[in-house]
């Protein structure tokens, strides 16, 4: 039985100089910033305490919801905020559930 050679794909590596690398990184960072600004441009942000009060839940519930993906905490510096759109969405879901019963 003849042995078959295993061929691995050759990685596609481009050689760039330091200035080109800086340019690529700068473009990627700017793109991420623009996406973040677009996503949050018309959304008020509330503290965990205020959001918990508005939703009538404990602050620990907001942390759990963040882990479960029900809402997404926004980190700004060392502070954490909750988007108004998430609060409104959760309140709307609760209202819909109440109407269904």
N, C-alpha and C. Protein backbone atom coordinates (compact mmCIF):
# COMPACT_ATOMS: atom_id res chain seq x y z
N UNK A 1 0.84 -1.17 0.00
CA UNK A 1 0.00 0.00 0.00
C UNK A 1 0.89 1.24 0.00
N UNK A 2 0.67 2.13 -0.93
CA UNK A 2 1.49 3.34 -1.02
C UNK A 2 0.99 4.38 -0.01
N UNK A 3 1.94 5.02 0.64
CA UNK A 3 1.58 6.07 1.60
C UNK A 3 1.27 7.35 0.85
N UNK A 4 0.22 8.03 1.31
CA UNK A 4 -0.13 9.30 0.70
C UNK A 4 0.42 10.43 1.56
N UNK A 5 1.00 11.38 0.94
CA UNK A 5 1.51 12.54 1.68
C UNK A 5 0.36 13.46 2.05
N UNK A 6 0.38 13.91 3.27
CA UNK A 6 -0.65 14.85 3.73
C UNK A 6 -0.18 16.25 3.38
N UNK A 7 -1.02 16.93 2.65
CA UNK A 7 -0.67 18.29 2.25
C UNK A 7 -1.43 19.28 3.13
N UNK A 8 -0.69 20.18 3.71
CA UNK A 8 -1.32 21.23 4.52
C UNK A 8 -1.35 22.50 3.70
N UNK A 9 -2.41 23.29 3.86
CA UNK A 9 -2.48 24.53 3.09
C UNK A 9 -1.38 25.50 3.51
N UNK A 10 -0.87 26.19 2.56
CA UNK A 10 0.15 27.20 2.83
C UNK A 10 -0.55 28.46 3.31
N UNK A 11 -0.14 28.97 4.47
CA UNK A 11 -0.81 30.19 4.96
C UNK A 11 -0.57 31.36 4.02
N UNK A 12 -1.57 32.19 3.90
CA UNK A 12 -1.48 33.37 3.04
C UNK A 12 -0.98 34.52 3.90
N UNK A 13 0.31 34.74 3.89
CA UNK A 13 0.92 35.77 4.73
C UNK A 13 1.42 36.89 3.83
N UNK A 14 1.03 38.10 4.20
CA UNK A 14 1.48 39.27 3.45
C UNK A 14 2.53 40.00 4.28
N UNK A 15 3.57 40.40 3.66
CA UNK A 15 4.60 41.17 4.35
C UNK A 15 4.28 42.65 4.18
N UNK A 16 4.16 43.34 5.31
CA UNK A 16 3.91 44.78 5.26
C UNK A 16 4.89 45.47 6.19
N UNK A 17 5.14 46.73 5.91
CA UNK A 17 6.06 47.46 6.77
C UNK A 17 5.29 48.09 7.94
N UNK A 18 6.01 48.68 8.84
CA UNK A 18 5.42 49.23 10.06
C UNK A 18 4.38 50.31 9.77
N UNK A 19 4.64 51.18 8.82
CA UNK A 19 3.67 52.24 8.49
C UNK A 19 2.38 51.65 7.92
N UNK A 20 2.48 50.62 7.10
CA UNK A 20 1.29 49.97 6.56
C UNK A 20 0.50 49.28 7.68
N UNK A 21 1.21 48.67 8.62
CA UNK A 21 0.54 48.04 9.76
C UNK A 21 -0.21 49.07 10.60
N UNK A 22 0.43 50.21 10.85
CA UNK A 22 -0.23 51.29 11.60
C UNK A 22 -1.49 51.74 10.87
N UNK A 23 -1.43 51.89 9.57
CA UNK A 23 -2.56 52.32 8.77
C UNK A 23 -3.71 51.31 8.86
N UNK A 24 -3.40 50.03 8.74
CA UNK A 24 -4.42 48.99 8.81
C UNK A 24 -5.08 48.99 10.19
N UNK A 25 -4.28 49.07 11.24
CA UNK A 25 -4.82 49.09 12.61
C UNK A 25 -5.68 50.32 12.81
N UNK A 26 -5.23 51.47 12.34
CA UNK A 26 -5.99 52.71 12.48
C UNK A 26 -7.34 52.61 11.77
N UNK A 27 -7.35 52.04 10.58
CA UNK A 27 -8.61 51.86 9.84
C UNK A 27 -9.56 50.93 10.57
N UNK A 28 -9.03 49.86 11.16
CA UNK A 28 -9.87 48.91 11.89
C UNK A 28 -10.45 49.55 13.14
N UNK A 29 -9.64 50.30 13.87
CA UNK A 29 -10.12 50.98 15.08
C UNK A 29 -11.19 52.00 14.72
N UNK A 30 -10.95 52.80 13.70
CA UNK A 30 -11.93 53.80 13.28
C UNK A 30 -13.24 53.15 12.85
N UNK A 31 -13.17 52.03 12.17
CA UNK A 31 -14.37 51.31 11.76
C UNK A 31 -15.15 50.84 12.98
N UNK A 32 -14.47 50.30 13.97
CA UNK A 32 -15.14 49.85 15.20
C UNK A 32 -15.78 51.01 15.94
N UNK A 33 -15.10 52.14 16.01
CA UNK A 33 -15.64 53.32 16.68
C UNK A 33 -16.89 53.81 15.96
N UNK A 34 -16.84 53.88 14.63
CA UNK A 34 -17.99 54.33 13.85
C UNK A 34 -19.19 53.41 14.06
N UNK A 35 -18.97 52.10 14.09
CA UNK A 35 -20.06 51.15 14.33
C UNK A 35 -20.65 51.35 15.73
N UNK A 36 -19.79 51.57 16.72
CA UNK A 36 -20.25 51.77 18.09
C UNK A 36 -21.09 53.04 18.18
N UNK A 37 -20.61 54.12 17.57
CA UNK A 37 -21.34 55.40 17.60
C UNK A 37 -22.68 55.26 16.90
N UNK A 38 -22.70 54.59 15.76
CA UNK A 38 -23.95 54.40 15.01
C UNK A 38 -24.96 53.61 15.84
N UNK A 39 -24.47 52.59 16.51
CA UNK A 39 -25.35 51.74 17.31
C UNK A 39 -25.92 52.49 18.52
N UNK A 40 -25.18 53.45 19.05
CA UNK A 40 -25.57 54.10 20.30
C UNK A 40 -25.93 55.58 20.14
N UNK A 41 -26.03 56.07 18.92
CA UNK A 41 -26.16 57.51 18.74
C UNK A 41 -27.44 58.13 19.29
N UNK A 42 -28.53 57.41 19.28
CA UNK A 42 -29.78 57.99 19.76
C UNK A 42 -30.32 57.24 20.97
N UNK A 43 -29.44 56.62 21.72
CA UNK A 43 -29.87 55.81 22.85
C UNK A 43 -29.37 56.43 24.15
N UNK A 44 -30.30 56.81 25.02
CA UNK A 44 -29.90 57.29 26.34
C UNK A 44 -29.36 56.12 27.14
N UNK A 45 -28.45 56.42 28.05
CA UNK A 45 -27.86 55.40 28.90
C UNK A 45 -28.21 55.68 30.35
N UNK A 46 -28.50 54.62 31.10
CA UNK A 46 -28.88 54.75 32.50
C UNK A 46 -27.96 53.90 33.37
N UNK A 47 -27.77 54.34 34.61
CA UNK A 47 -26.99 53.56 35.56
C UNK A 47 -27.71 52.26 35.86
N UNK A 48 -26.98 51.32 36.40
CA UNK A 48 -27.59 50.04 36.79
C UNK A 48 -28.71 50.29 37.79
N UNK A 49 -28.47 51.17 38.77
CA UNK A 49 -29.48 51.44 39.80
C UNK A 49 -30.75 52.02 39.19
N UNK A 50 -30.60 53.00 38.30
CA UNK A 50 -31.76 53.65 37.68
C UNK A 50 -32.50 52.66 36.77
N UNK A 51 -31.77 51.87 36.00
CA UNK A 51 -32.40 50.90 35.11
C UNK A 51 -33.17 49.85 35.92
N UNK A 52 -32.58 49.41 37.04
CA UNK A 52 -33.26 48.43 37.90
C UNK A 52 -34.55 49.03 38.46
N UNK A 53 -34.47 50.29 38.85
CA UNK A 53 -35.66 50.99 39.37
C UNK A 53 -36.74 51.09 38.30
N UNK A 54 -36.35 51.47 37.09
CA UNK A 54 -37.30 51.62 35.99
C UNK A 54 -37.98 50.29 35.65
N UNK A 55 -37.22 49.21 35.76
CA UNK A 55 -37.75 47.89 35.40
C UNK A 55 -38.40 47.18 36.59
N UNK A 56 -38.22 47.73 37.78
CA UNK A 56 -38.80 47.11 38.97
C UNK A 56 -38.14 45.80 39.35
N UNK A 57 -36.82 45.72 39.11
CA UNK A 57 -36.07 44.51 39.44
C UNK A 57 -34.86 44.88 40.27
N UNK A 58 -34.20 43.88 40.83
CA UNK A 58 -32.98 44.09 41.59
C UNK A 58 -31.81 44.26 40.62
N UNK A 59 -30.76 44.94 41.07
CA UNK A 59 -29.58 45.14 40.23
C UNK A 59 -28.96 43.80 39.80
N UNK A 60 -29.05 42.80 40.67
CA UNK A 60 -28.49 41.49 40.32
C UNK A 60 -29.21 40.87 39.12
N UNK A 61 -30.49 41.21 38.96
CA UNK A 61 -31.25 40.70 37.82
C UNK A 61 -30.67 41.27 36.52
N UNK A 62 -30.29 42.54 36.53
CA UNK A 62 -29.69 43.14 35.33
C UNK A 62 -28.38 42.46 34.98
N UNK A 63 -27.58 42.13 35.99
CA UNK A 63 -26.32 41.43 35.73
C UNK A 63 -26.58 40.04 35.14
N UNK A 64 -27.60 39.36 35.66
CA UNK A 64 -27.97 38.04 35.14
C UNK A 64 -28.47 38.16 33.70
N UNK A 65 -29.32 39.16 33.45
CA UNK A 65 -29.83 39.36 32.10
C UNK A 65 -28.71 39.64 31.12
N UNK A 66 -27.69 40.36 31.57
CA UNK A 66 -26.53 40.63 30.70
C UNK A 66 -25.84 39.31 30.35
N UNK A 67 -25.64 38.45 31.34
CA UNK A 67 -24.99 37.16 31.08
C UNK A 67 -25.84 36.28 30.17
N UNK A 68 -27.17 36.37 30.30
CA UNK A 68 -28.08 35.55 29.48
C UNK A 68 -28.29 36.13 28.09
N UNK A 69 -27.90 37.39 27.88
CA UNK A 69 -28.09 38.03 26.59
C UNK A 69 -29.41 38.77 26.44
N UNK A 70 -30.16 38.89 27.54
CA UNK A 70 -31.43 39.62 27.50
C UNK A 70 -31.19 41.10 27.25
N UNK A 71 -30.11 41.61 27.81
CA UNK A 71 -29.69 42.99 27.54
C UNK A 71 -28.18 43.01 27.51
N UNK A 72 -27.64 44.13 27.05
CA UNK A 72 -26.18 44.25 26.94
C UNK A 72 -25.73 45.48 27.71
N UNK A 73 -24.88 45.26 28.70
CA UNK A 73 -24.33 46.39 29.45
C UNK A 73 -23.35 47.15 28.56
N UNK A 74 -23.33 48.47 28.72
CA UNK A 74 -22.40 49.32 27.99
C UNK A 74 -21.33 49.76 28.98
N UNK A 75 -20.07 49.51 28.64
CA UNK A 75 -18.96 49.91 29.51
C UNK A 75 -18.34 51.19 28.95
N UNK A 76 -18.34 52.22 29.77
CA UNK A 76 -17.76 53.49 29.39
C UNK A 76 -16.74 53.85 30.46
N UNK A 77 -15.48 53.75 30.11
CA UNK A 77 -14.45 53.93 31.12
C UNK A 77 -14.62 52.83 32.15
N UNK A 78 -14.72 53.21 33.41
CA UNK A 78 -14.93 52.23 34.46
C UNK A 78 -16.39 52.12 34.88
N UNK A 79 -17.28 52.74 34.13
CA UNK A 79 -18.70 52.77 34.50
C UNK A 79 -19.51 51.86 33.60
N UNK A 80 -20.62 51.38 34.15
CA UNK A 80 -21.51 50.48 33.40
C UNK A 80 -22.86 51.16 33.25
N UNK A 81 -23.40 51.09 32.06
CA UNK A 81 -24.70 51.70 31.79
C UNK A 81 -25.58 50.70 31.03
N UNK A 82 -26.90 50.98 31.06
CA UNK A 82 -27.89 50.17 30.35
C UNK A 82 -28.57 51.07 29.32
N UNK A 83 -28.73 50.56 28.10
CA UNK A 83 -29.37 51.34 27.03
C UNK A 83 -30.87 51.48 27.28
N UNK A 84 -31.38 52.67 26.97
CA UNK A 84 -32.81 52.93 27.08
C UNK A 84 -33.59 51.99 26.17
N UNK A 85 -33.04 51.69 25.00
CA UNK A 85 -33.75 50.80 24.06
C UNK A 85 -33.94 49.41 24.66
N UNK A 86 -32.96 48.92 25.43
CA UNK A 86 -33.12 47.62 26.09
C UNK A 86 -34.20 47.70 27.16
N UNK A 87 -34.23 48.80 27.92
CA UNK A 87 -35.25 48.97 28.96
C UNK A 87 -36.63 48.99 28.33
N UNK A 88 -36.80 49.76 27.26
CA UNK A 88 -38.09 49.86 26.58
C UNK A 88 -38.51 48.52 26.00
N UNK A 89 -37.56 47.79 25.43
CA UNK A 89 -37.87 46.48 24.84
C UNK A 89 -38.36 45.52 25.93
N UNK A 90 -37.68 45.49 27.07
CA UNK A 90 -38.08 44.58 28.15
C UNK A 90 -39.44 44.99 28.71
N UNK A 91 -39.66 46.30 28.87
CA UNK A 91 -40.97 46.75 29.35
C UNK A 91 -42.07 46.38 28.35
N UNK A 92 -41.77 46.49 27.07
CA UNK A 92 -42.73 46.12 26.04
C UNK A 92 -43.05 44.63 26.06
N UNK A 93 -42.03 43.81 26.28
CA UNK A 93 -42.24 42.36 26.36
C UNK A 93 -43.13 42.03 27.55
N UNK A 94 -42.90 42.70 28.66
CA UNK A 94 -43.73 42.47 29.85
C UNK A 94 -45.18 42.87 29.60
N UNK A 95 -45.36 44.00 28.91
CA UNK A 95 -46.72 44.48 28.62
C UNK A 95 -47.44 43.48 27.72
N UNK A 96 -46.73 42.98 26.72
CA UNK A 96 -47.32 42.00 25.80
C UNK A 96 -47.71 40.73 26.53
N UNK A 97 -46.86 40.26 27.43
CA UNK A 97 -47.18 39.05 28.22
C UNK A 97 -48.40 39.28 29.08
N UNK A 98 -48.51 40.48 29.67
CA UNK A 98 -49.64 40.79 30.54
C UNK A 98 -50.93 40.81 29.71
N UNK A 99 -50.88 41.33 28.50
CA UNK A 99 -52.06 41.41 27.65
C UNK A 99 -52.50 40.02 27.18
N UNK A 100 -51.53 39.10 27.03
CA UNK A 100 -51.86 37.75 26.57
C UNK A 100 -52.57 36.93 27.63
N UNK A 101 -52.42 37.30 28.88
CA UNK A 101 -53.02 36.51 29.97
C UNK A 101 -54.44 36.85 30.23
